[in-house]
């Protein structure tokens, strides 16, 4: 079965959930896609959580050249979290407490972003868990096959446009 053919509709549906639609595709790598939006400008790698419906969770690693931000980790959770509790990301046994509210969580700072991206590069999967507004624990899972290449493609995409 051609994974790229299957990945394109999934990534396309992720983009419909994203606040800004992609303008230029930089490629599909495993379960991850890379895109450039020169109007913002930004470039990002993106993947949908395993088993998610089109409106459910996705993870991005973004570059915002005008803001001098590189490798910002953002996760849109499959469910809204209670209060401002954030969520816990686990990559290769390393745990990261993400900050945020509603369905959006982020690394606490640029150093955490860098540590998460480094862990993603060598891991096979990652999970993010939290408690929803009804107090139920949930976990979103991501396959990291292709993540490193998609992140690199996004980095190069913004370097060429900036």
Protein backbone atom coordinates (compact mmCIF):
# COMPACT_ATOMS: atom_id res chain seq x y z
CA UNK A 1 0.00 0.00 0.00
CA UNK A 2 1.38 3.45 -0.89
CA UNK A 3 1.75 5.40 2.37
CA UNK A 4 2.21 8.70 0.56
CA UNK A 5 -1.14 8.28 -1.17
CA UNK A 6 -2.75 7.61 2.22
CA UNK A 7 -0.87 10.41 3.97
CA UNK A 8 -1.90 13.18 1.60
CA UNK A 9 -5.62 13.17 2.51
CA UNK A 10 -4.72 12.95 6.21
CA UNK A 11 -2.31 15.87 6.03
CA UNK A 12 -4.77 17.80 3.89
CA UNK A 13 -7.45 17.36 6.53
CA UNK A 14 -4.98 18.49 9.20
CA UNK A 15 -4.44 21.67 7.26
CA UNK A 16 -8.15 22.36 7.15
CA UNK A 17 -8.05 22.30 10.95
CA UNK A 18 -5.00 24.55 11.08
CA UNK A 19 -5.52 28.28 11.53
CA UNK A 20 -3.73 29.11 8.25
CA UNK A 21 -3.91 26.99 5.09
CA UNK A 22 -0.64 25.97 3.47
CA UNK A 23 0.38 27.61 0.24
CA UNK A 24 3.33 25.48 -0.94
CA UNK A 25 3.87 21.78 -0.31
CA UNK A 26 7.49 20.95 0.46
CA UNK A 27 6.86 17.21 0.53
CA UNK A 28 5.40 14.26 2.39
CA UNK A 29 7.78 12.16 4.47
CA UNK A 30 6.36 9.09 6.16
CA UNK A 31 3.49 10.30 8.33
CA UNK A 32 4.64 13.94 8.19
CA UNK A 33 4.21 16.72 5.66
CA UNK A 34 6.19 19.95 5.23
CA UNK A 35 4.67 23.20 4.00
CA UNK A 36 5.59 26.84 3.38
CA UNK A 37 3.15 29.73 3.66
CA UNK A 38 5.01 32.73 2.21
CA UNK A 39 2.14 35.12 2.98
CA UNK A 40 2.56 34.74 6.77
CA UNK A 41 5.58 33.85 6.33
CA UNK A 42 6.11 30.51 8.05
CA UNK A 43 7.12 26.94 7.29
CA UNK A 44 6.11 23.88 9.25
CA UNK A 45 6.15 20.12 9.56
CA UNK A 46 2.79 18.60 10.50
CA UNK A 47 1.26 15.23 11.33
CA UNK A 48 -2.13 14.08 12.47
CA UNK A 49 -2.55 11.99 15.62
CA UNK A 50 -3.01 8.28 14.94
CA UNK A 51 -6.60 7.17 14.47
CA UNK A 52 -7.88 10.75 14.51
CA UNK A 53 -10.85 12.10 12.66
CA UNK A 54 -10.14 15.10 10.42
CA UNK A 55 -11.01 17.62 13.15
CA UNK A 56 -8.91 15.91 15.84
CA UNK A 57 -5.34 16.35 17.01
CA UNK A 58 -2.22 17.31 15.11
CA UNK A 59 1.35 18.28 15.93
CA UNK A 60 3.47 20.93 14.23
CA UNK A 61 7.05 22.12 14.35
CA UNK A 62 7.06 25.63 12.90
CA UNK A 63 9.53 28.27 11.76
CA UNK A 64 8.50 31.94 11.75
CA UNK A 65 11.40 33.84 10.07
CA UNK A 66 10.00 37.34 10.67
CA UNK A 67 9.67 36.55 14.39
CA UNK A 68 13.07 34.81 14.48
CA UNK A 69 11.41 31.66 15.83
CA UNK A 70 12.75 28.25 14.77
CA UNK A 71 11.43 24.85 15.71
CA UNK A 72 8.38 25.92 17.74
CA UNK A 73 6.42 22.87 18.91
CA UNK A 74 2.63 23.20 18.92
CA UNK A 75 0.16 20.42 19.55
CA UNK A 76 -3.56 20.69 18.87
CA UNK A 77 -5.07 18.10 21.19
CA UNK A 78 -7.94 15.84 20.22
CA UNK A 79 -9.89 17.16 23.22
CA UNK A 80 -9.93 20.42 25.18
CA UNK A 81 -8.05 20.19 28.46
CA UNK A 82 -9.41 21.28 31.81
CA UNK A 83 -8.34 24.77 32.89
CA UNK A 84 -4.72 25.64 32.26
CA UNK A 85 -3.32 22.27 33.31
CA UNK A 86 -1.46 21.76 30.04
CA UNK A 87 -0.50 18.30 28.86
CA UNK A 88 2.40 15.87 29.14
CA UNK A 89 4.42 14.94 26.08
CA UNK A 90 6.53 11.77 26.17
CA UNK A 91 9.19 11.14 23.52
CA UNK A 92 11.65 8.24 23.98
CA UNK A 93 10.92 8.11 27.70
CA UNK A 94 11.69 11.82 28.10
CA UNK A 95 8.79 13.79 29.63
CA UNK A 96 7.88 17.39 28.85
CA UNK A 97 5.17 19.41 30.58
CA UNK A 98 3.47 21.50 27.89
CA UNK A 99 1.64 24.73 28.69
CA UNK A 100 -1.66 25.82 27.23
CA UNK A 101 -5.39 25.68 27.48
CA UNK A 102 -8.30 24.49 25.42
CA UNK A 103 -6.96 22.27 22.66
CA UNK A 104 -3.62 24.06 22.12
CA UNK A 105 -0.40 23.32 24.02
CA UNK A 106 3.17 24.50 23.51
CA UNK A 107 6.64 24.01 24.96
CA UNK A 108 7.38 26.38 27.84
CA UNK A 109 10.33 28.06 26.07
CA UNK A 110 12.76 27.82 23.15
CA UNK A 111 15.08 25.49 25.06
CA UNK A 112 12.24 23.01 25.59
CA UNK A 113 11.30 23.31 21.91
CA UNK A 114 14.87 22.37 20.98
CA UNK A 115 14.93 19.43 23.40
CA UNK A 116 11.60 18.10 22.08
CA UNK A 117 12.69 18.38 18.44
CA UNK A 118 15.99 16.62 19.25
CA UNK A 119 14.08 13.79 20.95
CA UNK A 120 11.63 13.54 18.02
CA UNK A 121 14.51 13.09 15.57
CA UNK A 122 15.60 9.80 17.13
CA UNK A 123 12.28 8.39 18.38
CA UNK A 124 9.76 6.17 16.65
CA UNK A 125 6.68 7.65 18.32
CA UNK A 126 5.46 10.19 20.84
CA UNK A 127 2.39 10.58 23.02
CA UNK A 128 0.70 13.58 24.57
CA UNK A 129 -1.73 13.11 27.47
CA UNK A 130 -4.03 15.34 29.43
CA UNK A 131 -7.33 15.51 31.29
CA UNK A 132 -10.34 16.72 29.39
CA UNK A 133 -12.98 19.05 30.80
CA UNK A 134 -14.92 16.05 32.14
CA UNK A 135 -11.83 14.92 34.06
CA UNK A 136 -11.11 11.94 31.79
CA UNK A 137 -7.52 11.12 30.90
CA UNK A 138 -6.81 10.92 27.14
CA UNK A 139 -3.74 10.27 25.03
CA UNK A 140 -2.94 11.27 21.46
CA UNK A 141 -0.28 9.20 19.69
CA UNK A 142 2.02 10.17 16.83
CA UNK A 143 4.24 8.12 14.55
CA UNK A 144 7.52 9.96 14.07
CA UNK A 145 8.57 8.22 10.85
CA UNK A 146 9.46 11.07 8.50
CA UNK A 147 9.35 13.77 11.21
CA UNK A 148 13.06 14.63 11.05
CA UNK A 149 13.00 14.94 7.25
CA UNK A 150 9.80 17.04 7.31
CA UNK A 151 11.29 19.34 9.98
CA UNK A 152 14.45 19.71 7.86
CA UNK A 153 12.38 20.43 4.73
CA UNK A 154 10.47 23.15 6.62
CA UNK A 155 13.75 24.64 7.85
CA UNK A 156 15.19 24.73 4.33
CA UNK A 157 11.89 26.03 2.92
CA UNK A 158 11.99 29.08 5.18
CA UNK A 159 15.73 29.62 4.68
CA UNK A 160 15.18 29.81 0.91
CA UNK A 161 12.21 32.17 1.20
CA UNK A 162 13.79 34.44 3.81
